[in-house]
Amino acid sequence: MWGGRAGALPRVWGLWPPGVLGRRPLRCSAASLAGSSSPQCWNCGGPGGPIREDGFFCPQCRALQPPDPTRDHFSLMDCKRSFNVDTAKLQHRYQQLQRLVHPDFFGQRSQTEKDFSEKHSTLVNDAYKTLLAPLSRGLYLLKLHGVEIPEGTDYKMDNQFLMEIMDINEKLAEAQSEAAINEFESIVRAKQEELTDNLSRAFEQGIVFISSLSQIWKEIVSTET
């Protein structure tokens, strides 16, 4: 009953014809996959050295470095670029990074480092919140692969799905006891997990499809130049 919703995901690819804004894939350098070390420290002018603590600090003077603009949320949070994310590991990584870059730890440092700390902390918060929830994680993953859903998009749900939602809402409103409410909560949670699993499989299939199309497009372009 609920599994059919995930089948709608592959149809998303057809909503963005060539030339429509949001179709172009985001480019990420190798640094976005492994972290980057600045070629020159803003504070001591020293050369980049071995990456330590994800390259946040200069290995020579230990000054906090500016954020890497090419690094995506998955790389920052040390997660595989996939719809399936270990949320326990994600939370641990979030806490680890905040212990490194949170502004509270830079009260006695230079103004430059304070500013960098604010930026780092904001990026970490954004990455954590985005990857924690399945919906925002999925939309961000689509964006990384060149499919960006515009705000205000009108989503049309089929009548069967709408009837299911209305039926659940009506029964929930009629529930008179805490036990009945808890039972509905368990049902909804189970359906949510089922949908998330189905959506995960659809995403993996869809991303492979996008990657294949991207490779074909590169080959076409290379033959024309």
Foldseek 3Di string as FASTA:
>chain_A
DLLVVLVCVLVLVVVDDPPDPLQDADDADPCQQQADADQAAPPPRDGADDQDPRNQAGPPPRQGGADDPRHDLCNQQVHDLALDGDLVSSVVSLVVQCVVQPLVVCPPPDPVSSVRSVVSNVSSVVSSVQNNDSVSSLQVSSSNLRHHDDPPDDDDDDPVVVVVVVVLVVQCVVDDDPVSNVVSVVVVVVSVVSNSVSNRVSSVVSSVVSVVVVVVVVVVVVVVD
